[in-house]
Amino acid sequence: MEKNQLRLGCVVMAAGNASRFGENKLAREFGGKPLIRRALEAVPAEAFTQVAVVTQYPEAAALVAEFGFLPVENAHPEWGVSHTIRLGLAALSGCDGVLFQVADQPLLRRETVARAAALFREDPERIVALSHGGVRGNPCLFPARFFPELMALTGDRGGSGVIRRHPEALRLLEAAEEELWDVDTPQALEALEQGQKAPEAER
């Protein structure tokens, strides 16, 4: 298949309970915008055939419609990230590759996500992941040959296990360090607002 004919999907993972945060962190603002809006704005829609947003939050699902993305309800976030992955893949059937993007990296840039999609198109049999200094982060883009392994994940296990089983398949895309920072606590969000890296963001 020609590279420009590849069907790429994107799953925005916005279903977690955010137990360490203590509230729905995706509703918290960073730079004057809720985290969920910043996450959706970081998706280069033109790079994907379809974008699905897996969430348990009605307010997030309502925002998804504004972007023309597909809302996918996760009624069982307690089943872990593996359930979100399965729901996202099921919603994007027929794709040659799917990028999984978490919703709590407020400094992730859409240009960087677009670069990840472009790199995947150069070699669509390999996994592409953002990294900084050789250390892998998110998002990650998986070719369809790994979908069965992703669908077989259980509990709170994500795609990292699949990547570890296939190190030869991984391509890293260097990104600015701050783009990979996520916010698991209010303290981490406050640190980012002050232009600092939270201690938990050490990788």
N, C-alpha and C. Protein backbone atom coordinates (compact mmCIF):
# COMPACT_ATOMS: atom_id res chain seq x y z
N MET A 1 0.85 -1.20 0.00
CA MET A 1 0.00 0.00 0.00
C MET A 1 0.88 1.25 0.00
N GLU A 2 0.49 2.25 -0.79
CA GLU A 2 1.23 3.51 -0.80
C GLU A 2 1.17 4.18 0.57
N LYS A 3 2.28 4.86 0.91
CA LYS A 3 2.36 5.48 2.23
C LYS A 3 1.22 6.47 2.46
N ASN A 4 0.88 7.20 1.39
CA ASN A 4 -0.16 8.21 1.56
C ASN A 4 -1.56 7.62 1.61
N GLN A 5 -1.65 6.29 1.37
CA GLN A 5 -2.95 5.63 1.45
C GLN A 5 -3.15 4.91 2.78
N LEU A 6 -2.17 4.93 3.63
CA LEU A 6 -2.28 4.28 4.93
C LEU A 6 -3.40 4.92 5.74
N ARG A 7 -4.19 4.09 6.37
CA ARG A 7 -5.25 4.58 7.24
C ARG A 7 -4.73 4.60 8.68
N LEU A 8 -4.52 5.80 9.18
CA LEU A 8 -4.03 5.94 10.55
C LEU A 8 -5.15 6.43 11.46
N GLY A 9 -5.23 5.82 12.63
CA GLY A 9 -6.19 6.26 13.64
C GLY A 9 -5.47 6.83 14.84
N CYS A 10 -6.19 7.56 15.64
CA CYS A 10 -5.65 8.13 16.88
C CYS A 10 -6.65 7.87 18.00
N VAL A 11 -6.15 7.35 19.12
CA VAL A 11 -6.97 7.17 20.31
C VAL A 11 -6.46 8.11 21.39
N VAL A 12 -7.31 9.04 21.80
CA VAL A 12 -6.99 9.90 22.94
C VAL A 12 -7.54 9.21 24.19
N MET A 13 -6.65 8.91 25.09
CA MET A 13 -7.01 8.14 26.28
C MET A 13 -7.34 9.10 27.42
N ALA A 14 -8.64 9.27 27.66
CA ALA A 14 -9.10 10.26 28.63
C ALA A 14 -10.13 9.67 29.57
N ALA A 15 -9.85 8.44 30.04
CA ALA A 15 -10.86 7.73 30.83
C ALA A 15 -10.44 7.43 32.26
N GLY A 16 -9.19 7.73 32.61
CA GLY A 16 -8.68 7.33 33.92
C GLY A 16 -9.39 8.00 35.08
N ASN A 17 -9.33 7.35 36.23
CA ASN A 17 -9.97 7.90 37.43
C ASN A 17 -9.13 8.98 38.11
N ALA A 18 -7.86 9.11 37.69
CA ALA A 18 -6.97 10.14 38.26
C ALA A 18 -6.95 10.07 39.78
N SER A 19 -6.76 8.87 40.32
CA SER A 19 -6.82 8.69 41.77
C SER A 19 -5.75 9.49 42.48
N ARG A 20 -4.58 9.63 41.88
CA ARG A 20 -3.51 10.41 42.52
C ARG A 20 -3.81 11.89 42.50
N PHE A 21 -4.61 12.31 41.53
CA PHE A 21 -4.93 13.74 41.42
C PHE A 21 -6.03 14.14 42.40
N GLY A 22 -6.94 13.20 42.68
CA GLY A 22 -8.00 13.47 43.64
C GLY A 22 -9.26 14.05 43.06
N GLU A 23 -9.27 14.31 41.74
CA GLU A 23 -10.45 14.85 41.06
C GLU A 23 -10.26 14.61 39.56
N ASN A 24 -11.24 14.98 38.76
CA ASN A 24 -11.12 14.86 37.31
C ASN A 24 -10.11 15.89 36.83
N LYS A 25 -8.87 15.44 36.67
CA LYS A 25 -7.81 16.39 36.33
C LYS A 25 -7.97 16.98 34.94
N LEU A 26 -8.69 16.26 34.06
CA LEU A 26 -8.84 16.76 32.69
C LEU A 26 -9.69 18.02 32.64
N ALA A 27 -10.44 18.29 33.71
CA ALA A 27 -11.22 19.53 33.78
C ALA A 27 -10.40 20.69 34.33
N ARG A 28 -9.25 20.39 34.93
CA ARG A 28 -8.39 21.44 35.46
C ARG A 28 -7.75 22.22 34.32
N GLU A 29 -7.53 23.49 34.55
CA GLU A 29 -7.00 24.34 33.49
C GLU A 29 -5.49 24.46 33.57
N PHE A 30 -4.89 24.59 32.40
CA PHE A 30 -3.47 24.88 32.26
C PHE A 30 -3.35 25.92 31.16
N GLY A 31 -2.77 27.05 31.47
CA GLY A 31 -2.68 28.11 30.46
C GLY A 31 -4.03 28.60 29.99
N GLY A 32 -5.02 28.56 30.89
CA GLY A 32 -6.35 29.08 30.56
C GLY A 32 -7.25 28.11 29.84
N LYS A 33 -6.81 26.87 29.65
CA LYS A 33 -7.64 25.87 28.96
C LYS A 33 -7.67 24.58 29.77
N PRO A 34 -8.82 23.89 29.80
CA PRO A 34 -8.85 22.57 30.44
C PRO A 34 -7.87 21.62 29.78
N LEU A 35 -7.33 20.71 30.56
CA LEU A 35 -6.37 19.75 30.01
C LEU A 35 -6.95 18.95 28.85
N ILE A 36 -8.23 18.60 28.93
CA ILE A 36 -8.82 17.81 27.86
C ILE A 36 -8.86 18.61 26.56
N ARG A 37 -9.14 19.90 26.62
CA ARG A 37 -9.13 20.71 25.39
C ARG A 37 -7.72 20.80 24.82
N ARG A 38 -6.74 20.98 25.69
CA ARG A 38 -5.36 21.05 25.20
C ARG A 38 -4.98 19.73 24.53
N ALA A 39 -5.44 18.61 25.09
CA ALA A 39 -5.13 17.31 24.50
C ALA A 39 -5.74 17.19 23.12
N LEU A 40 -6.99 17.61 22.96
CA LEU A 40 -7.65 17.51 21.66
C LEU A 40 -7.03 18.46 20.65
N GLU A 41 -6.59 19.62 21.11
CA GLU A 41 -5.95 20.56 20.20
C GLU A 41 -4.58 20.06 19.74
N ALA A 42 -4.00 19.13 20.49
CA ALA A 42 -2.69 18.59 20.13
C ALA A 42 -2.79 17.50 19.06
N VAL A 43 -4.00 17.11 18.70
CA VAL A 43 -4.20 16.07 17.68
C VAL A 43 -4.22 16.72 16.30
N PRO A 44 -3.28 16.39 15.42
CA PRO A 44 -3.33 16.91 14.05
C PRO A 44 -4.33 16.08 13.23
N ALA A 45 -5.57 16.51 13.24
CA ALA A 45 -6.65 15.70 12.64
C ALA A 45 -6.37 15.34 11.20
N GLU A 46 -5.65 16.22 10.49
CA GLU A 46 -5.38 15.95 9.08
C GLU A 46 -4.45 14.75 8.88
N ALA A 47 -3.77 14.32 9.93
CA ALA A 47 -2.84 13.19 9.82
C ALA A 47 -3.53 11.84 10.02
N PHE A 48 -4.80 11.89 10.44
CA PHE A 48 -5.49 10.65 10.80
C PHE A 48 -6.81 10.50 10.03
N THR A 49 -7.13 9.25 9.74
CA THR A 49 -8.41 8.95 9.11
C THR A 49 -9.55 9.15 10.08
N GLN A 50 -9.32 8.78 11.35
CA GLN A 50 -10.33 8.94 12.38
C GLN A 50 -9.66 9.09 13.73
N VAL A 51 -10.30 9.86 14.59
CA VAL A 51 -9.81 10.08 15.95
C VAL A 51 -10.90 9.69 16.93
N ALA A 52 -10.58 8.79 17.84
CA ALA A 52 -11.53 8.37 18.87
C ALA A 52 -11.02 8.85 20.22
N VAL A 53 -11.93 9.34 21.04
CA VAL A 53 -11.59 9.81 22.38
C VAL A 53 -12.33 8.94 23.38
N VAL A 54 -11.60 8.13 24.12
CA VAL A 54 -12.20 7.21 25.08
C VAL A 54 -12.25 7.90 26.43
N THR A 55 -13.46 8.06 26.97
CA THR A 55 -13.59 8.82 28.21
C THR A 55 -14.79 8.33 29.02
N GLN A 56 -14.72 8.58 30.30
CA GLN A 56 -15.85 8.29 31.18
C GLN A 56 -16.62 9.57 31.52
N TYR A 57 -16.10 10.72 31.06
CA TYR A 57 -16.65 12.00 31.49
C TYR A 57 -17.58 12.61 30.44
N PRO A 58 -18.86 12.85 30.78
CA PRO A 58 -19.80 13.42 29.81
C PRO A 58 -19.35 14.77 29.27
N GLU A 59 -18.73 15.59 30.12
CA GLU A 59 -18.29 16.91 29.66
C GLU A 59 -17.18 16.79 28.62
N ALA A 60 -16.35 15.76 28.76
CA ALA A 60 -15.30 15.53 27.76
C ALA A 60 -15.93 15.04 26.46
N ALA A 61 -16.90 14.15 26.55
CA ALA A 61 -17.56 13.64 25.36
C ALA A 61 -18.24 14.77 24.59
N ALA A 62 -18.82 15.72 25.31
CA ALA A 62 -19.47 16.85 24.65
C ALA A 62 -18.44 17.71 23.90
N LEU A 63 -17.26 17.86 24.48
CA LEU A 63 -16.21 18.64 23.83
C LEU A 63 -15.68 17.94 22.59
N VAL A 64 -15.64 16.63 22.64
CA VAL A 64 -15.15 15.84 21.51
C VAL A 64 -15.94 16.14 20.24
N ALA A 65 -17.24 16.29 20.38
CA ALA A 65 -18.09 16.57 19.23
C ALA A 65 -17.71 17.88 18.55
N GLU A 66 -17.26 18.84 19.34
CA GLU A 66 -16.85 20.13 18.80
C GLU A 66 -15.68 19.98 17.83
N PHE A 67 -14.84 18.98 18.08
CA PHE A 67 -13.67 18.76 17.23
C PHE A 67 -13.96 17.82 16.07
N GLY A 68 -15.15 17.23 16.05
CA GLY A 68 -15.48 16.28 15.00
C GLY A 68 -14.87 14.92 15.20
N PHE A 69 -14.44 14.64 16.44
CA PHE A 69 -13.87 13.34 16.76
C PHE A 69 -14.97 12.41 17.24
N LEU A 70 -14.62 11.14 17.40
CA LEU A 70 -15.59 10.13 17.81
C LEU A 70 -15.51 9.90 19.32
N PRO A 71 -16.57 10.21 20.08
CA PRO A 71 -16.53 9.91 21.51
C PRO A 71 -16.83 8.43 21.75
N VAL A 72 -16.04 7.81 22.61
CA VAL A 72 -16.23 6.41 22.97
C VAL A 72 -16.34 6.34 24.49
N GLU A 73 -17.48 5.87 24.96
CA GLU A 73 -17.70 5.82 26.41
C GLU A 73 -16.96 4.65 27.04
N ASN A 74 -16.26 4.94 28.11
CA ASN A 74 -15.65 3.89 28.93
C ASN A 74 -16.44 3.84 30.23
N ALA A 75 -17.35 2.88 30.33
CA ALA A 75 -18.19 2.78 31.51
C ALA A 75 -17.51 2.04 32.66
N HIS A 76 -16.31 1.51 32.38
CA HIS A 76 -15.60 0.75 33.42
C HIS A 76 -14.13 1.18 33.50
N PRO A 77 -13.87 2.42 33.86
CA PRO A 77 -12.47 2.86 33.96
C PRO A 77 -11.68 2.08 35.01
N GLU A 78 -12.41 1.47 35.95
CA GLU A 78 -11.73 0.68 36.98
C GLU A 78 -11.09 -0.58 36.40
N TRP A 79 -11.41 -0.91 35.17
CA TRP A 79 -10.80 -2.08 34.53
C TRP A 79 -9.40 -1.78 34.00
N GLY A 80 -8.98 -0.55 34.11
CA GLY A 80 -7.61 -0.20 33.77
C GLY A 80 -7.42 0.28 32.35
N VAL A 81 -6.18 0.69 32.07
CA VAL A 81 -5.86 1.27 30.78
C VAL A 81 -6.04 0.27 29.64
N SER A 82 -5.91 -1.02 29.92
CA SER A 82 -6.09 -2.03 28.86
C SER A 82 -7.50 -1.96 28.27
N HIS A 83 -8.48 -1.66 29.11
CA HIS A 83 -9.86 -1.57 28.63
C HIS A 83 -10.02 -0.37 27.70
N THR A 84 -9.38 0.75 28.05
CA THR A 84 -9.41 1.93 27.19
C THR A 84 -8.77 1.62 25.84
N ILE A 85 -7.67 0.88 25.85
CA ILE A 85 -7.00 0.51 24.60
C ILE A 85 -7.92 -0.36 23.74
N ARG A 86 -8.57 -1.34 24.36
CA ARG A 86 -9.46 -2.22 23.58
C ARG A 86 -10.63 -1.44 22.99
N LEU A 87 -11.21 -0.55 23.78
CA LEU A 87 -12.33 0.25 23.28
C LEU A 87 -11.89 1.13 22.10
N GLY A 88 -10.72 1.73 22.23
CA GLY A 88 -10.22 2.59 21.16
C GLY A 88 -9.95 1.82 19.89
N LEU A 89 -9.30 0.67 20.01
CA LEU A 89 -9.02 -0.13 18.82
C LEU A 89 -10.30 -0.63 18.16
N ALA A 90 -11.27 -1.03 18.97
CA ALA A 90 -12.53 -1.52 18.42
C ALA A 90 -13.26 -0.42 17.64
N ALA A 91 -13.09 0.82 18.08
CA ALA A 91 -13.76 1.94 17.40
C ALA A 91 -13.07 2.34 16.11
N LEU A 92 -11.82 1.91 15.93
CA LEU A 92 -11.04 2.33 14.77
C LEU A 92 -10.68 1.13 13.89
N SER A 93 -11.66 0.30 13.62
CA SER A 93 -11.41 -0.89 12.81
C SER A 93 -10.98 -0.50 11.40
N GLY A 94 -10.09 -1.30 10.84
CA GLY A 94 -9.65 -1.06 9.47
C GLY A 94 -8.45 -0.16 9.35
N CYS A 95 -7.89 0.28 10.47
CA CYS A 95 -6.72 1.16 10.42
C CYS A 95 -5.44 0.34 10.26
N ASP A 96 -4.47 0.92 9.57
CA ASP A 96 -3.16 0.28 9.38
C ASP A 96 -2.22 0.59 10.54
N GLY A 97 -2.56 1.58 11.32
CA GLY A 97 -1.78 1.95 12.49
C GLY A 97 -2.62 2.84 13.37
N VAL A 98 -2.37 2.78 14.67
CA VAL A 98 -3.12 3.62 15.61
C VAL A 98 -2.15 4.24 16.61
N LEU A 99 -2.29 5.53 16.79
CA LEU A 99 -1.51 6.28 17.77
C LEU A 99 -2.31 6.42 19.05
N PHE A 100 -1.67 6.13 20.18
CA PHE A 100 -2.30 6.28 21.48
C PHE A 100 -1.69 7.48 22.19
N GLN A 101 -2.56 8.43 22.50
CA GLN A 101 -2.13 9.69 23.11
C GLN A 101 -2.83 9.86 24.45
N VAL A 102 -2.06 10.04 25.50
CA VAL A 102 -2.66 10.30 26.80
C VAL A 102 -3.11 11.76 26.84
N ALA A 103 -4.01 12.06 27.76
CA ALA A 103 -4.64 13.39 27.77
C ALA A 103 -4.06 14.32 28.83
N ASP A 104 -2.97 13.90 29.47
CA ASP A 104 -2.45 14.73 30.56
C ASP A 104 -1.01 15.17 30.31
N GLN A 105 -0.67 15.42 29.04
CA GLN A 105 0.62 16.02 28.67
C GLN A 105 0.34 17.42 28.12
N PRO A 106 0.19 18.41 28.98
CA PRO A 106 -0.31 19.71 28.52
C PRO A 106 0.63 20.47 27.60
N LEU A 107 1.91 20.07 27.52
CA LEU A 107 2.85 20.78 26.67
C LEU A 107 3.13 20.04 25.36
N LEU A 108 2.40 18.96 25.11
CA LEU A 108 2.54 18.23 23.85
C LEU A 108 2.05 19.12 22.70
N ARG A 109 2.82 19.15 21.61
CA ARG A 109 2.50 20.02 20.48
C ARG A 109 1.97 19.18 19.31
N ARG A 110 0.97 19.73 18.63
CA ARG A 110 0.37 19.00 17.51
C ARG A 110 1.39 18.78 16.39
N GLU A 111 2.33 19.70 16.25
CA GLU A 111 3.36 19.53 15.22
C GLU A 111 4.21 18.29 15.50
N THR A 112 4.44 18.02 16.78
CA THR A 112 5.23 16.84 17.14
C THR A 112 4.46 15.56 16.87
N VAL A 113 3.18 15.57 17.18
CA VAL A 113 2.34 14.40 16.89
C VAL A 113 2.28 14.17 15.38
N ALA A 114 2.22 15.24 14.61
CA ALA A 114 2.21 15.11 13.15
C ALA A 114 3.53 14.52 12.66
N ARG A 115 4.64 14.88 13.29
CA ARG A 115 5.93 14.31 12.91
C ARG A 115 5.97 12.81 13.20
N ALA A 116 5.34 12.39 14.31
CA ALA A 116 5.28 10.97 14.63
C ALA A 116 4.52 10.20 13.56
N ALA A 117 3.40 10.76 13.12
CA ALA A 117 2.61 10.11 12.07
C ALA A 117 3.39 10.04 10.76
N ALA A 118 4.13 11.10 10.45
CA ALA A 118 4.92 11.12 9.21
C ALA A 118 6.05 10.09 9.27
N LEU A 119 6.69 9.96 10.43
CA LEU A 119 7.76 8.98 10.58
C LEU A 119 7.22 7.56 10.44
N PHE A 120 6.03 7.33 10.98
CA PHE A 120 5.41 6.00 10.84
C PHE A 120 5.17 5.67 9.38
N ARG A 121 4.73 6.63 8.61
CA ARG A 121 4.43 6.38 7.20
C ARG A 121 5.69 5.98 6.42
N GLU A 122 6.87 6.36 6.91
CA GLU A 122 8.12 5.98 6.24
C GLU A 122 8.40 4.48 6.42
N ASP A 123 7.95 3.90 7.52
CA ASP A 123 8.22 2.49 7.81
C ASP A 123 7.05 1.95 8.63
N PRO A 124 5.91 1.66 7.98
CA PRO A 124 4.67 1.37 8.70
C PRO A 124 4.59 0.00 9.35
N GLU A 125 5.70 -0.71 9.42
CA GLU A 125 5.72 -1.98 10.14
C GLU A 125 6.33 -1.83 11.53
N ARG A 126 6.80 -0.63 11.85
CA ARG A 126 7.48 -0.43 13.12
C ARG A 126 6.69 0.52 14.02
N ILE A 127 6.93 0.40 15.32
CA ILE A 127 6.31 1.25 16.33
C ILE A 127 7.07 2.57 16.40
N VAL A 128 6.35 3.66 16.50
CA VAL A 128 6.97 4.97 16.68
C VAL A 128 6.56 5.52 18.04
N ALA A 129 7.53 6.01 18.80
CA ALA A 129 7.24 6.61 20.10
C ALA A 129 8.04 7.88 20.27
N LEU A 130 7.46 8.87 20.91
CA LEU A 130 8.21 10.07 21.25
C LEU A 130 9.23 9.72 22.32
N SER A 131 10.33 10.47 22.33
CA SER A 131 11.36 10.24 23.33
C SER A 131 12.12 11.53 23.55
N HIS A 132 12.89 11.53 24.63
CA HIS A 132 13.84 12.62 24.85
C HIS A 132 15.11 12.01 25.42
N GLY A 133 16.22 12.28 24.76
CA GLY A 133 17.48 11.73 25.21
C GLY A 133 17.51 10.21 25.20
N GLY A 134 16.76 9.61 24.28
CA GLY A 134 16.74 8.16 24.19
C GLY A 134 15.79 7.48 25.14
N VAL A 135 15.08 8.25 25.96
CA VAL A 135 14.13 7.68 26.92
C VAL A 135 12.72 7.79 26.33
N ARG A 136 12.08 6.66 26.18
CA ARG A 136 10.76 6.63 25.54
C ARG A 136 9.67 7.25 26.40
N GLY A 137 8.74 7.94 25.71
CA GLY A 137 7.57 8.49 26.37
C GLY A 137 6.33 8.27 25.50
N ASN A 138 5.34 9.12 25.66
CA ASN A 138 4.10 9.06 24.89
C ASN A 138 3.96 10.32 24.04
N PRO A 139 3.19 10.22 22.93
CA PRO A 139 2.39 9.09 22.45
C PRO A 139 3.22 8.03 21.72
N CYS A 140 2.55 6.88 21.47
CA CYS A 140 3.14 5.76 20.74
C CYS A 140 2.17 5.36 19.62
N LEU A 141 2.74 5.02 18.46
CA LEU A 141 1.95 4.64 17.29
C LEU A 141 2.30 3.21 16.92
N PHE A 142 1.30 2.34 16.93
CA PHE A 142 1.50 0.91 16.68
C PHE A 142 0.95 0.51 15.32
N PRO A 143 1.71 -0.30 14.56
CA PRO A 143 1.16 -0.86 13.32
C PRO A 143 0.15 -1.97 13.64
N ALA A 144 -0.67 -2.28 12.66
CA ALA A 144 -1.77 -3.21 12.87
C ALA A 144 -1.30 -4.60 13.29
N ARG A 145 -0.08 -4.98 12.95
CA ARG A 145 0.37 -6.33 13.31
C ARG A 145 0.47 -6.52 14.83
N PHE A 146 0.47 -5.41 15.58
CA PHE A 146 0.53 -5.52 17.04
C PHE A 146 -0.85 -5.37 17.71
N PHE A 147 -1.89 -5.15 16.90
CA PHE A 147 -3.22 -4.97 17.50
C PHE A 147 -3.66 -6.19 18.32
N PRO A 148 -3.42 -7.43 17.86
CA PRO A 148 -3.84 -8.57 18.68
C PRO A 148 -3.19 -8.57 20.07
N GLU A 149 -1.92 -8.20 20.14
CA GLU A 149 -1.26 -8.15 21.45
C GLU A 149 -1.84 -7.03 22.31
N LEU A 150 -2.15 -5.91 21.70
CA LEU A 150 -2.75 -4.81 22.45
C LEU A 150 -4.15 -5.20 22.95
N MET A 151 -4.90 -5.89 22.12
CA MET A 151 -6.25 -6.30 22.52
C MET A 151 -6.21 -7.35 23.63
N ALA A 152 -5.09 -8.05 23.76
CA ALA A 152 -4.97 -9.10 24.76
C ALA A 152 -4.49 -8.57 26.11
N LEU A 153 -4.17 -7.29 26.19
CA LEU A 153 -3.71 -6.72 27.47
C LEU A 153 -4.83 -6.79 28.51
N THR A 154 -4.44 -6.88 29.76
CA THR A 154 -5.42 -6.93 30.85
C THR A 154 -5.04 -5.95 31.95
N GLY A 155 -6.03 -5.61 32.75
CA GLY A 155 -5.79 -4.76 33.92
C GLY A 155 -5.24 -3.40 33.54
N ASP A 156 -4.33 -2.90 34.37
CA ASP A 156 -3.78 -1.56 34.16
C ASP A 156 -2.46 -1.62 33.40
N ARG A 157 -2.37 -2.53 32.45
CA ARG A 157 -1.17 -2.68 31.63
C ARG A 157 -1.42 -2.05 30.26
N GLY A 158 -0.50 -1.18 29.87
CA GLY A 158 -0.62 -0.52 28.58
C GLY A 158 0.32 -1.10 27.55
N GLY A 159 0.61 -0.31 26.55
CA GLY A 159 1.40 -0.79 25.42
C GLY A 159 2.87 -0.98 25.70
N SER A 160 3.36 -0.53 26.85
CA SER A 160 4.79 -0.66 27.15
C SER A 160 5.23 -2.12 27.13
N GLY A 161 4.37 -3.01 27.60
CA GLY A 161 4.72 -4.42 27.61
C GLY A 161 4.90 -4.95 26.20
N VAL A 162 4.07 -4.50 25.28
CA VAL A 162 4.20 -4.92 23.88
C VAL A 162 5.51 -4.40 23.31
N ILE A 163 5.84 -3.16 23.61
CA ILE A 163 7.09 -2.58 23.11
C ILE A 163 8.30 -3.33 23.66
N ARG A 164 8.25 -3.69 24.93
CA ARG A 164 9.38 -4.41 25.53
C ARG A 164 9.59 -5.78 24.89
N ARG A 165 8.51 -6.38 24.42
CA ARG A 165 8.64 -7.68 23.76
C ARG A 165 9.20 -7.58 22.35
N HIS A 166 9.17 -6.38 21.78
CA HIS A 166 9.60 -6.19 20.39
C HIS A 166 10.54 -4.98 20.27
N PRO A 167 11.65 -5.00 20.98
CA PRO A 167 12.54 -3.82 20.96
C PRO A 167 13.07 -3.50 19.57
N GLU A 168 13.19 -4.52 18.72
CA GLU A 168 13.72 -4.30 17.38
C GLU A 168 12.75 -3.51 16.50
N ALA A 169 11.49 -3.45 16.91
CA ALA A 169 10.46 -2.79 16.10
C ALA A 169 10.31 -1.31 16.44
N LEU A 170 11.02 -0.84 17.45
CA LEU A 170 10.77 0.52 17.96
C LEU A 170 11.62 1.56 17.26
N ARG A 171 10.98 2.64 16.85
CA ARG A 171 11.67 3.85 16.35
C ARG A 171 11.33 4.99 17.30
N LEU A 172 12.36 5.69 17.76
CA LEU A 172 12.16 6.81 18.67
C LEU A 172 12.22 8.12 17.90
N LEU A 173 11.33 9.03 18.25
CA LEU A 173 11.31 10.36 17.66
C LEU A 173 11.64 11.37 18.75
N GLU A 174 12.76 12.03 18.61
CA GLU A 174 13.20 12.98 19.63
C GLU A 174 12.25 14.18 19.71
N ALA A 175 11.88 14.54 20.94
CA ALA A 175 10.99 15.67 21.18
C ALA A 175 11.54 16.48 22.35
N ALA A 176 11.05 17.68 22.50
CA ALA A 176 11.45 18.50 23.65
C ALA A 176 11.03 17.80 24.94
N GLU A 177 11.87 17.85 25.94
CA GLU A 177 11.62 17.12 27.17
C GLU A 177 10.27 17.45 27.78
N GLU A 178 9.92 18.75 27.77
CA GLU A 178 8.69 19.15 28.45
C GLU A 178 7.42 18.62 27.76
N GLU A 179 7.54 18.26 26.48
CA GLU A 179 6.37 17.71 25.80
C GLU A 179 5.96 16.36 26.38
N LEU A 180 6.91 15.65 26.97
CA LEU A 180 6.65 14.31 27.50
C LEU A 180 6.16 14.34 28.94
N TRP A 181 6.23 15.49 29.59
CA TRP A 181 5.82 15.56 31.00
C TRP A 181 4.31 15.39 31.13
N ASP A 182 3.91 14.52 32.06
CA ASP A 182 2.49 14.39 32.36
C ASP A 182 2.23 14.89 33.77
N VAL A 183 0.97 15.02 34.11
CA VAL A 183 0.60 15.59 35.40
C VAL A 183 -0.31 14.60 36.13
N ASP A 184 0.26 13.94 37.12
CA ASP A 184 -0.51 12.96 37.89
C ASP A 184 -1.01 13.51 39.21
N THR A 185 -0.51 14.69 39.61
CA THR A 185 -0.92 15.29 40.88
C THR A 185 -1.13 16.79 40.69
N PRO A 186 -1.89 17.43 41.58
CA PRO A 186 -2.03 18.88 41.49
C PRO A 186 -0.68 19.58 41.59
N GLN A 187 0.25 19.01 42.37
CA GLN A 187 1.57 19.62 42.52
C GLN A 187 2.33 19.62 41.19
N ALA A 188 2.16 18.54 40.42
CA ALA A 188 2.82 18.47 39.12
C ALA A 188 2.27 19.53 38.18
N LEU A 189 0.95 19.72 38.21
CA LEU A 189 0.34 20.74 37.36
C LEU A 189 0.82 22.13 37.76
N GLU A 190 0.88 22.39 39.06
CA GLU A 190 1.35 23.69 39.54
C GLU A 190 2.80 23.93 39.14
N ALA A 191 3.62 22.89 39.19
CA ALA A 191 5.02 23.03 38.79
C ALA A 191 5.13 23.41 37.32
N LEU A 192 4.34 22.76 36.48
CA LEU A 192 4.37 23.08 35.06
C LEU A 192 3.91 24.51 34.81
N GLU A 193 2.91 24.94 35.55
CA GLU A 193 2.42 26.31 35.39
C GLU A 193 3.49 27.33 35.73
N GLN A 194 4.43 26.93 36.57
CA GLN A 194 5.54 27.82 36.96
C GLN A 194 6.77 27.58 36.10
N GLY A 195 6.61 26.77 35.05
CA GLY A 195 7.72 26.52 34.15
C GLY A 195 8.74 25.55 34.70
N GLN A 196 8.33 24.74 35.65
CA GLN A 196 9.25 23.80 36.28
C GLN A 196 8.78 22.37 36.06
N LYS A 197 9.72 21.45 36.13
CA LYS A 197 9.39 20.03 36.03
C LYS A 197 9.11 19.50 37.43
N ALA A 198 7.98 18.82 37.59
CA ALA A 198 7.67 18.22 38.88
C ALA A 198 8.61 17.06 39.17
N PRO A 199 8.93 16.80 40.43
CA PRO A 199 9.82 15.68 40.75
C PRO A 199 9.33 14.35 40.18
N GLU A 200 8.03 14.17 40.11
CA GLU A 200 7.49 12.90 39.60
C GLU A 200 7.72 12.74 38.11
N ALA A 201 8.05 13.85 37.43
CA ALA A 201 8.26 13.78 35.99
C ALA A 201 9.66 13.29 35.64
N GLU A 202 10.51 13.10 36.65
CA GLU A 202 11.84 12.55 36.39
C GLU A 202 11.69 11.17 35.78
N ARG A 203 12.39 10.92 34.72
CA ARG A 203 12.24 9.65 34.02
C ARG A 203 13.58 8.94 33.97
